[in-house]
Amino acid sequence: MSTPPSKPQTGGSAGKAPSTPNRSPSSEKLYKETVKILIGPGKEAYSVHKELLCFYSDFFRAAFNGSFKEAIESQIELPDAEVSIFEAFQTWLYARTLLNAEDPMDKPDRPVYHSHPILAKLWIFGDKYQIPLLRNNVTDIMHAKVEKDNNTPVKAIKLVFENTLPGSSLREAIVTIMAHKAKLSVTDGVLGTHFAEHWTLEAAIDVMDKAASAWSSDLPLSTLPKTERCHYHVHAEGEHC
């Protein structure tokens, strides 16, 4: 039988996979069986423990526990996935971290997270393959990076708007961050010509609409609204942070 259809990138709610960190997989048989994941057009092969992968992903659970050929062969191809993004996901899967360990500046007292474009690609990967906890972790880290480094996600805007639909929690998060934290100037800010390649018209309109609301509020300049972190998360019905 054919591969189960991938989930549209809607930014919707979670399914059975956990969306909060307080749920952990059972240690029984967790590392007993592996499956092979073939990444990209070059079909680079990765072995991943089946129970761990299926616990966090509804997509892979359906693929490897049903009557599809993937379950029979214990192998699946992801031709559109990027090797670097899958490797970052694999690190998250086993270590539950989004730190960029390859960055020479990464130190125990000053951790360095992946760039905003990499984080956005991880969120999109988590959306397509139904991994809600990964998506929630990504939005948390995006906010943490902005507050820690004052580094706005301008280089991820076009990527986000081209790979998500209106109503996506990632869109809302990135629009809010840009509206409140970025310098929205066409001369020396993120709306200048040197950042033009990172924008879409829809993104610019959404950010300016949000900024107009921010300017009319009582929030101090460059201050994010005190929104509950869970506001940008995806959860199954009845589940919350």
C-alpha atoms as a PDB file:
ATOM      1  CA  MET A   1       0.000   0.000   0.000  1.00  0.00           C
ATOM      2  CA  SER A   2       1.100   3.588  -0.469  1.00  0.00           C
ATOM      3  CA  THR A   3       2.527   6.043   2.023  1.00  0.00           C
ATOM      4  CA  PRO A   4      -0.059   7.659   4.320  1.00  0.00           C
ATOM      5  CA  PRO A   5      -0.827  11.213   3.206  1.00  0.00           C
ATOM      6  CA  SER A   6       1.174  13.879   4.976  1.00  0.00           C
ATOM      7  CA  LYS A   7      -0.757  16.376   7.063  1.00  0.00           C
ATOM      8  CA  PRO A   8      -1.378  19.756   5.403  1.00  0.00           C
ATOM      9  CA  GLN A   9       0.587  22.576   6.987  1.00  0.00           C
ATOM     10  CA  THR A  10      -2.326  24.251   8.698  1.00  0.00           C
ATOM     11  CA  GLY A  11      -0.938  24.922  12.131  1.00  0.00           C
ATOM     12  CA  GLY A  12      -3.948  23.174  13.637  1.00  0.00           C
ATOM     13  CA  SER A  13      -4.402  21.217  16.829  1.00  0.00           C
ATOM     14  CA  ALA A  14      -2.420  18.201  17.949  1.00  0.00           C
ATOM     15  CA  GLY A  15      -3.570  14.596  17.711  1.00  0.00           C
ATOM     16  CA  LYS A  16      -2.485  11.772  19.999  1.00  0.00           C
ATOM     17  CA  ALA A  17       1.177  12.755  20.060  1.00  0.00           C
ATOM     18  CA  PRO A  18       2.177  14.671  23.209  1.00  0.00           C
ATOM     19  CA  SER A  19       2.206  18.451  23.058  1.00  0.00           C
ATOM     20  CA  THR A  20       3.454  19.033  26.606  1.00  0.00           C
ATOM     21  CA  PRO A  21       6.778  17.937  28.145  1.00  0.00           C
ATOM     22  CA  ASN A  22       5.168  16.147  31.091  1.00  0.00           C
ATOM     23  CA  ARG A  23       4.323  13.112  28.945  1.00  0.00           C
ATOM     24  CA  SER A  24       7.162  10.677  28.332  1.00  0.00           C
ATOM     25  CA  PRO A  25       7.339   7.403  26.410  1.00  0.00           C
ATOM     26  CA  SER A  26       7.407   4.142  28.314  1.00  0.00           C
ATOM     27  CA  SER A  27      10.901   2.730  28.673  1.00  0.00           C
ATOM     28  CA  GLU A  28       9.603  -0.749  27.797  1.00  0.00           C
ATOM     29  CA  LYS A  29      10.883  -1.715  24.330  1.00  0.00           C
ATOM     30  CA  LEU A  30      11.699   1.946  23.675  1.00  0.00           C
ATOM     31  CA  TYR A  31      15.098   1.221  22.140  1.00  0.00           C
ATOM     32  CA  LYS A  32      14.471  -2.320  20.924  1.00  0.00           C
ATOM     33  CA  GLU A  33      13.487  -1.726  17.300  1.00  0.00           C
ATOM     34  CA  THR A  34      14.723   0.767  14.724  1.00  0.00           C
ATOM     35  CA  VAL A  35      13.308   2.029  11.455  1.00  0.00           C
ATOM     36  CA  LYS A  36      15.125   3.564   8.507  1.00  0.00           C
ATOM     37  CA  ILE A  37      14.349   7.091   7.317  1.00  0.00           C
ATOM     38  CA  LEU A  38      15.591   8.060   3.837  1.00  0.00           C
ATOM     39  CA  ILE A  39      16.049  11.820   3.628  1.00  0.00           C
ATOM     40  CA  GLY A  40      16.036  14.060   0.574  1.00  0.00           C
ATOM     41  CA  PRO A  41      16.486  13.239  -3.106  1.00  0.00           C
ATOM     42  CA  GLY A  42      19.790  11.568  -2.251  1.00  0.00           C
ATOM     43  CA  LYS A  43      17.991   9.176   0.129  1.00  0.00           C
ATOM     44  CA  GLU A  44      20.504   9.623   2.933  1.00  0.00           C
ATOM     45  CA  ALA A  45      19.692   6.901   5.457  1.00  0.00           C
ATOM     46  CA  TYR A  46      19.133   7.411   9.180  1.00  0.00           C
ATOM     47  CA  SER A  47      18.189   4.791  11.759  1.00  0.00           C
ATOM     48  CA  VAL A  48      15.774   5.944  14.447  1.00  0.00           C
ATOM     49  CA  HIS A  49      14.207   4.007  17.313  1.00  0.00           C
ATOM     50  CA  LYS A  50      10.671   3.250  16.242  1.00  0.00           C
ATOM     51  CA  GLU A  51       8.865   3.557  19.576  1.00  0.00           C
ATOM     52  CA  LEU A  52      10.485   6.903  20.351  1.00  0.00           C
ATOM     53  CA  LEU A  53       9.690   8.317  16.911  1.00  0.00           C
ATOM     54  CA  CYS A  54       6.108   7.047  16.945  1.00  0.00           C
ATOM     55  CA  PHE A  55       5.470   8.381  20.447  1.00  0.00           C
ATOM     56  CA  TYR A  56       6.123  11.969  19.372  1.00  0.00           C
ATOM     57  CA  SER A  57       4.697  11.821  15.830  1.00  0.00           C
ATOM     58  CA  ASP A  58       1.188  10.839  14.754  1.00  0.00           C
ATOM     59  CA  PHE A  59       2.385  10.655  11.140  1.00  0.00           C
ATOM     60  CA  PHE A  60       5.144   8.142  11.806  1.00  0.00           C
ATOM     61  CA  ARG A  61       2.911   6.151  14.160  1.00  0.00           C
ATOM     62  CA  ALA A  62       0.388   5.716  11.358  1.00  0.00           C
ATOM     63  CA  ALA A  63       3.101   4.858   8.843  1.00  0.00           C
ATOM     64  CA  PHE A  64       4.950   2.268  10.914  1.00  0.00           C
ATOM     65  CA  ASN A  65       2.091   0.666  12.849  1.00  0.00           C
ATOM     66  CA  GLY A  66      -0.436   0.168  10.070  1.00  0.00           C
ATOM     67  CA  SER A  67      -0.688  -1.969   6.949  1.00  0.00           C
ATOM     68  CA  PHE A  68       1.329   0.398   4.777  1.00  0.00           C
ATOM     69  CA  LYS A  69       4.451  -0.851   3.043  1.00  0.00           C
ATOM     70  CA  GLU A  70       6.481   1.376   5.382  1.00  0.00           C
ATOM     71  CA  ALA A  71       5.376  -0.744   8.332  1.00  0.00           C
ATOM     72  CA  ILE A  72       6.245  -3.958   6.513  1.00  0.00           C
ATOM     73  CA  GLU A  73       9.653  -2.732   5.354  1.00  0.00           C
ATOM     74  CA  SER A  74      10.403  -0.618   8.477  1.00  0.00           C
ATOM     75  CA  GLN A  75      11.489   2.116   6.105  1.00  0.00           C
ATOM     76  CA  ILE A  76      10.088   5.400   4.808  1.00  0.00           C
ATOM     77  CA  GLU A  77      11.252   8.012   2.305  1.00  0.00           C
ATOM     78  CA  LEU A  78      10.988  11.754   2.971  1.00  0.00           C
ATOM     79  CA  PRO A  79      12.154  13.148  -0.396  1.00  0.00           C
ATOM     80  CA  ASP A  80      11.314  16.766   0.438  1.00  0.00           C
ATOM     81  CA  ALA A  81      13.067  16.824   3.813  1.00  0.00           C
ATOM     82  CA  GLU A  82      16.442  18.529   4.263  1.00  0.00           C
ATOM     83  CA  VAL A  83      19.271  16.532   5.784  1.00  0.00           C
ATOM     84  CA  SER A  84      20.294  19.356   8.135  1.00  0.00           C
ATOM     85  CA  ILE A  85      16.732  19.805   9.387  1.00  0.00           C
ATOM     86  CA  PHE A  86      16.236  16.094   9.955  1.00  0.00           C
ATOM     87  CA  GLU A  87      19.508  15.931  11.875  1.00  0.00           C
ATOM     88  CA  ALA A  88      18.386  18.843  14.054  1.00  0.00           C
ATOM     89  CA  PHE A  89      15.078  17.037  14.606  1.00  0.00           C
ATOM     90  CA  GLN A  90      16.904  13.826  15.490  1.00  0.00           C
ATOM     91  CA  THR A  91      18.945  15.709  18.093  1.00  0.00           C
ATOM     92  CA  TRP A  92      15.727  17.109  19.540  1.00  0.00           C
ATOM     93  CA  LEU A  93      14.116  13.657  19.524  1.00  0.00           C
ATOM     94  CA  TYR A  94      16.870  12.082  21.615  1.00  0.00           C
ATOM     95  CA  ALA A  95      18.131  15.030  23.672  1.00  0.00           C
ATOM     96  CA  ARG A  96      15.071  17.309  23.622  1.00  0.00           C
ATOM     97  CA  THR A  97      17.211  20.340  22.868  1.00  0.00           C
ATOM     98  CA  LEU A  98      17.276  22.947  20.111  1.00  0.00           C
ATOM     99  CA  LEU A  99      20.775  24.124  20.890  1.00  0.00           C
ATOM    100  CA  ASN A 100      23.209  24.471  18.012  1.00  0.00           C
ATOM    101  CA  ALA A 101      26.054  22.390  19.393  1.00  0.00           C
ATOM    102  CA  GLU A 102      28.119  22.968  16.236  1.00  0.00           C
ATOM    103  CA  ASP A 103      28.278  26.719  16.820  1.00  0.00           C
ATOM    104  CA  PRO A 104      31.726  27.558  18.286  1.00  0.00           C
ATOM    105  CA  MET A 105      30.085  30.197  20.489  1.00  0.00           C
ATOM    106  CA  ASP A 106      27.876  27.599  22.200  1.00  0.00           C
ATOM    107  CA  LYS A 107      29.017  27.262  25.817  1.00  0.00           C
ATOM    108  CA  PRO A 108      27.347  25.932  28.981  1.00  0.00           C
ATOM    109  CA  ASP A 109      27.045  29.445  30.408  1.00  0.00           C
ATOM    110  CA  ARG A 110      25.900  30.960  27.098  1.00  0.00           C
ATOM    111  CA  PRO A 111      23.911  28.457  25.028  1.00  0.00           C
ATOM    112  CA  VAL A 112      23.411  29.168  21.340  1.00  0.00           C
ATOM    113  CA  TYR A 113      20.166  28.069  19.735  1.00  0.00           C
ATOM    114  CA  HIS A 114      19.600  27.386  16.058  1.00  0.00           C
ATOM    115  CA  SER A 115      18.981  30.394  13.820  1.00  0.00           C
ATOM    116  CA  HIS A 116      15.427  31.605  13.263  1.00  0.00           C
ATOM    117  CA  PRO A 117      15.273  30.151   9.704  1.00  0.00           C
ATOM    118  CA  ILE A 118      16.384  26.741  11.013  1.00  0.00           C
ATOM    119  CA  LEU A 119      13.853  26.950  13.844  1.00  0.00           C
ATOM    120  CA  ALA A 120      11.126  27.872  11.356  1.00  0.00           C
ATOM    121  CA  LYS A 121      12.040  24.888   9.174  1.00  0.00           C
ATOM    122  CA  LEU A 122      11.893  22.638  12.239  1.00  0.00           C
ATOM    123  CA  TRP A 123       8.414  23.961  13.069  1.00  0.00           C
ATOM    124  CA  ILE A 124       7.307  23.328   9.469  1.00  0.00           C
ATOM    125  CA  PHE A 125       8.794  19.813   9.644  1.00  0.00           C
ATOM    126  CA  GLY A 126       6.918  19.243  12.903  1.00  0.00           C
ATOM    127  CA  ASP A 127       3.701  20.486  11.330  1.00  0.00           C
ATOM    128  CA  LYS A 128       3.994  18.274   8.259  1.00  0.00           C
ATOM    129  CA  TYR A 129       4.875  15.158  10.242  1.00  0.00           C
ATOM    130  CA  GLN A 130       2.547  15.896  13.160  1.00  0.00           C
ATOM    131  CA  ILE A 131       5.028  16.456  15.988  1.00  0.00           C
ATOM    132  CA  PRO A 132       3.241  19.008  18.222  1.00  0.00           C
ATOM    133  CA  LEU A 133       5.784  19.122  21.036  1.00  0.00           C
ATOM    134  CA  LEU A 134       8.551  20.038  18.577  1.00  0.00           C
ATOM    135  CA  ARG A 135       6.432  22.888  17.240  1.00  0.00           C
ATOM    136  CA  ASN A 136       5.717  24.153  20.739  1.00  0.00           C
ATOM    137  CA  ASN A 137       9.376  23.968  21.725  1.00  0.00           C
ATOM    138  CA  VAL A 138      10.333  25.942  18.613  1.00  0.00           C
ATOM    139  CA  THR A 139       7.978  28.841  19.331  1.00  0.00           C
ATOM    140  CA  ASP A 140       9.234  28.971  22.924  1.00  0.00           C
ATOM    141  CA  ILE A 141      12.851  29.157  21.745  1.00  0.00           C
ATOM    142  CA  MET A 142      12.057  31.818  19.151  1.00  0.00           C
ATOM    143  CA  HIS A 143      10.686  34.036  21.905  1.00  0.00           C
ATOM    144  CA  ALA A 144      13.653  33.227  24.152  1.00  0.00           C
ATOM    145  CA  LYS A 145      16.138  34.160  21.393  1.00  0.00           C
ATOM    146  CA  VAL A 146      14.451  37.499  20.847  1.00  0.00           C
ATOM    147  CA  GLU A 147      14.442  38.364  24.540  1.00  0.00           C
ATOM    148  CA  LYS A 148      17.999  37.103  25.091  1.00  0.00           C
ATOM    149  CA  ASP A 149      19.772  38.393  21.986  1.00  0.00           C
ATOM    150  CA  ASN A 150      17.300  41.005  20.696  1.00  0.00           C
ATOM    151  CA  ASN A 151      17.605  39.147  17.391  1.00  0.00           C
ATOM    152  CA  THR A 152      14.345  39.415  15.452  1.00  0.00           C
ATOM    153  CA  PRO A 153      13.315  36.622  13.047  1.00  0.00           C
ATOM    154  CA  VAL A 154      13.209  38.821   9.929  1.00  0.00           C
ATOM    155  CA  LYS A 155      15.119  36.242   7.860  1.00  0.00           C
ATOM    156  CA  ALA A 156      12.458  33.617   8.604  1.00  0.00           C
ATOM    157  CA  ILE A 157       9.382  35.650   7.634  1.00  0.00           C
ATOM    158  CA  LYS A 158       9.126  34.691   3.960  1.00  0.00           C
ATOM    159  CA  LEU A 159       9.865  31.063   4.792  1.00  0.00           C
ATOM    160  CA  VAL A 160       7.059  31.014   7.356  1.00  0.00           C
ATOM    161  CA  PHE A 161       4.474  32.710   5.134  1.00  0.00           C
ATOM    162  CA  GLU A 162       5.263  30.481   2.155  1.00  0.00           C
ATOM    163  CA  ASN A 163       4.941  27.266   4.176  1.00  0.00           C
ATOM    164  CA  THR A 164       2.048  27.901   6.555  1.00  0.00           C
ATOM    165  CA  LEU A 165      -1.570  28.963   6.199  1.00  0.00           C
ATOM    166  CA  PRO A 166      -3.391  31.922   7.774  1.00  0.00           C
ATOM    167  CA  GLY A 167      -4.181  31.111  11.388  1.00  0.00           C
ATOM    168  CA  SER A 168      -0.930  29.237  11.936  1.00  0.00           C
ATOM    169  CA  SER A 169       0.422  29.735  15.447  1.00  0.00           C
ATOM    170  CA  LEU A 170       3.914  30.218  14.006  1.00  0.00           C
ATOM    171  CA  ARG A 171       2.667  33.041  11.783  1.00  0.00           C
ATOM    172  CA  GLU A 172       1.024  34.719  14.749  1.00  0.00           C
ATOM    173  CA  ALA A 173       4.156  34.368  16.859  1.00  0.00           C
ATOM    174  CA  ILE A 174       6.521  35.760  14.230  1.00  0.00           C
ATOM    175  CA  VAL A 175       4.182  38.633  13.309  1.00  0.00           C
ATOM    176  CA  THR A 176       3.824  39.609  16.969  1.00  0.00           C
ATOM    177  CA  ILE A 177       7.582  39.492  17.530  1.00  0.00           C
ATOM    178  CA  MET A 178       8.295  41.631  14.461  1.00  0.00           C
ATOM    179  CA  ALA A 179       5.574  44.162  15.259  1.00  0.00           C
ATOM    180  CA  HIS A 180       6.775  44.694  18.823  1.00  0.00           C
ATOM    181  CA  LYS A 181      10.539  44.152  18.658  1.00  0.00           C
ATOM    182  CA  ALA A 182      11.764  45.057  15.152  1.00  0.00           C
ATOM    183  CA  LYS A 183      12.681  48.501  13.881  1.00  0.00           C
ATOM    184  CA  LEU A 184      10.008  48.969  11.216  1.00  0.00           C
ATOM    185  CA  SER A 185      11.795  51.513   9.067  1.00  0.00           C
ATOM    186  CA  VAL A 186      12.375  51.592   5.304  1.00  0.00           C
ATOM    187  CA  THR A 187      15.618  53.522   5.707  1.00  0.00           C
ATOM    188  CA  ASP A 188      17.572  51.778   8.443  1.00  0.00           C
ATOM    189  CA  GLY A 189      15.217  49.051   9.659  1.00  0.00           C
ATOM    190  CA  VAL A 190      13.839  45.656   8.657  1.00  0.00           C
ATOM    191  CA  LEU A 191      11.651  47.169   5.930  1.00  0.00           C
ATOM    192  CA  GLY A 192      14.703  48.460   4.076  1.00  0.00           C
ATOM    193  CA  THR A 193      15.865  47.187   0.694  1.00  0.00           C
ATOM    194  CA  HIS A 194      18.593  45.000   2.233  1.00  0.00           C
ATOM    195  CA  PHE A 195      15.872  42.889   3.896  1.00  0.00           C
ATOM    196  CA  ALA A 196      13.403  42.951   0.968  1.00  0.00           C
ATOM    197  CA  GLU A 197      14.141  39.352  -0.068  1.00  0.00           C
ATOM    198  CA  HIS A 198      12.892  38.086   3.309  1.00  0.00           C
ATOM    199  CA  TRP A 199       9.393  39.593   3.034  1.00  0.00           C
ATOM    200  CA  THR A 200       6.129  38.806   1.293  1.00  0.00           C
ATOM    201  CA  LEU A 201       3.433  41.429   0.794  1.00  0.00           C
ATOM    202  CA  GLU A 202       1.065  39.474   3.038  1.00  0.00           C
ATOM    203  CA  ALA A 203       3.657  39.332   5.805  1.00  0.00           C
ATOM    204  CA  ALA A 204       4.358  43.064   5.599  1.00  0.00           C
ATOM    205  CA  ILE A 205       0.648  43.880   5.814  1.00  0.00           C
ATOM    206  CA  ASP A 206       0.133  41.564   8.791  1.00  0.00           C
ATOM    207  CA  VAL A 207       3.136  42.987  10.657  1.00  0.00           C
ATOM    208  CA  MET A 208       2.113  46.606  10.038  1.00  0.00           C
ATOM    209  CA  ASP A 209      -1.462  45.871  11.142  1.00  0.00           C
ATOM    210  CA  LYS A 210      -0.140  44.318  14.338  1.00  0.00           C
ATOM    211  CA  ALA A 211       2.298  47.204  14.821  1.00  0.00           C
ATOM    212  CA  ALA A 212      -0.530  49.733  14.497  1.00  0.00           C
ATOM    213  CA  SER A 213      -2.321  47.979  17.349  1.00  0.00           C
ATOM    214  CA  ALA A 214       0.896  47.913  19.381  1.00  0.00           C
ATOM    215  CA  TRP A 215       1.509  51.638  18.890  1.00  0.00           C
ATOM    216  CA  SER A 216      -1.987  52.430  20.160  1.00  0.00           C
ATOM    217  CA  SER A 217      -1.479  50.328  23.286  1.00  0.00           C
ATOM    218  CA  ASP A 218       0.220  51.333  26.516  1.00  0.00           C
ATOM    219  CA  LEU A 219       3.120  48.915  26.049  1.00  0.00           C
ATOM    220  CA  PRO A 220       6.622  50.428  26.302  1.00  0.00           C
ATOM    221  CA  LEU A 221       8.636  50.498  23.079  1.00  0.00           C
ATOM    222  CA  SER A 222      10.178  47.126  22.051  1.00  0.00           C
ATOM    223  CA  THR A 223       8.167  45.190  24.634  1.00  0.00           C
ATOM    224  CA  LEU A 224       6.354  41.970  23.793  1.00  0.00           C
ATOM    225  CA  PRO A 225       2.805  41.672  25.135  1.00  0.00           C
ATOM    226  CA  LYS A 226       2.475  39.476  28.203  1.00  0.00           C
ATOM    227  CA  THR A 227       0.735  36.642  26.416  1.00  0.00           C
ATOM    228  CA  GLU A 228       0.709  33.216  27.985  1.00  0.00           C
ATOM    229  CA  ARG A 229       3.324  31.027  26.316  1.00  0.00           C
ATOM    230  CA  CYS A 230       0.653  28.428  25.668  1.00  0.00           C
ATOM    231  CA  HIS A 231      -1.138  30.914  23.386  1.00  0.00           C
ATOM    232  CA  TYR A 232       1.282  30.018  20.572  1.00  0.00           C
ATOM    233  CA  HIS A 233       1.166  26.268  21.228  1.00  0.00           C
ATOM    234  CA  VAL A 234      -0.803  23.512  19.546  1.00  0.00           C
ATOM    235  CA  HIS A 235      -2.611  21.089  21.842  1.00  0.00           C
ATOM    236  CA  ALA A 236      -5.085  18.264  21.578  1.00  0.00           C
ATOM    237  CA  GLU A 237      -8.516  18.924  23.008  1.00  0.00           C
ATOM    238  CA  GLY A 238      -8.373  19.046  26.799  1.00  0.00           C
ATOM    239  CA  GLU A 239      -4.571  19.388  26.854  1.00  0.00           C
ATOM    240  CA  HIS A 240      -2.730  22.515  27.944  1.00  0.00           C
ATOM    241  CA  CYS A 241       0.587  23.621  29.404  1.00  0.00           C
END
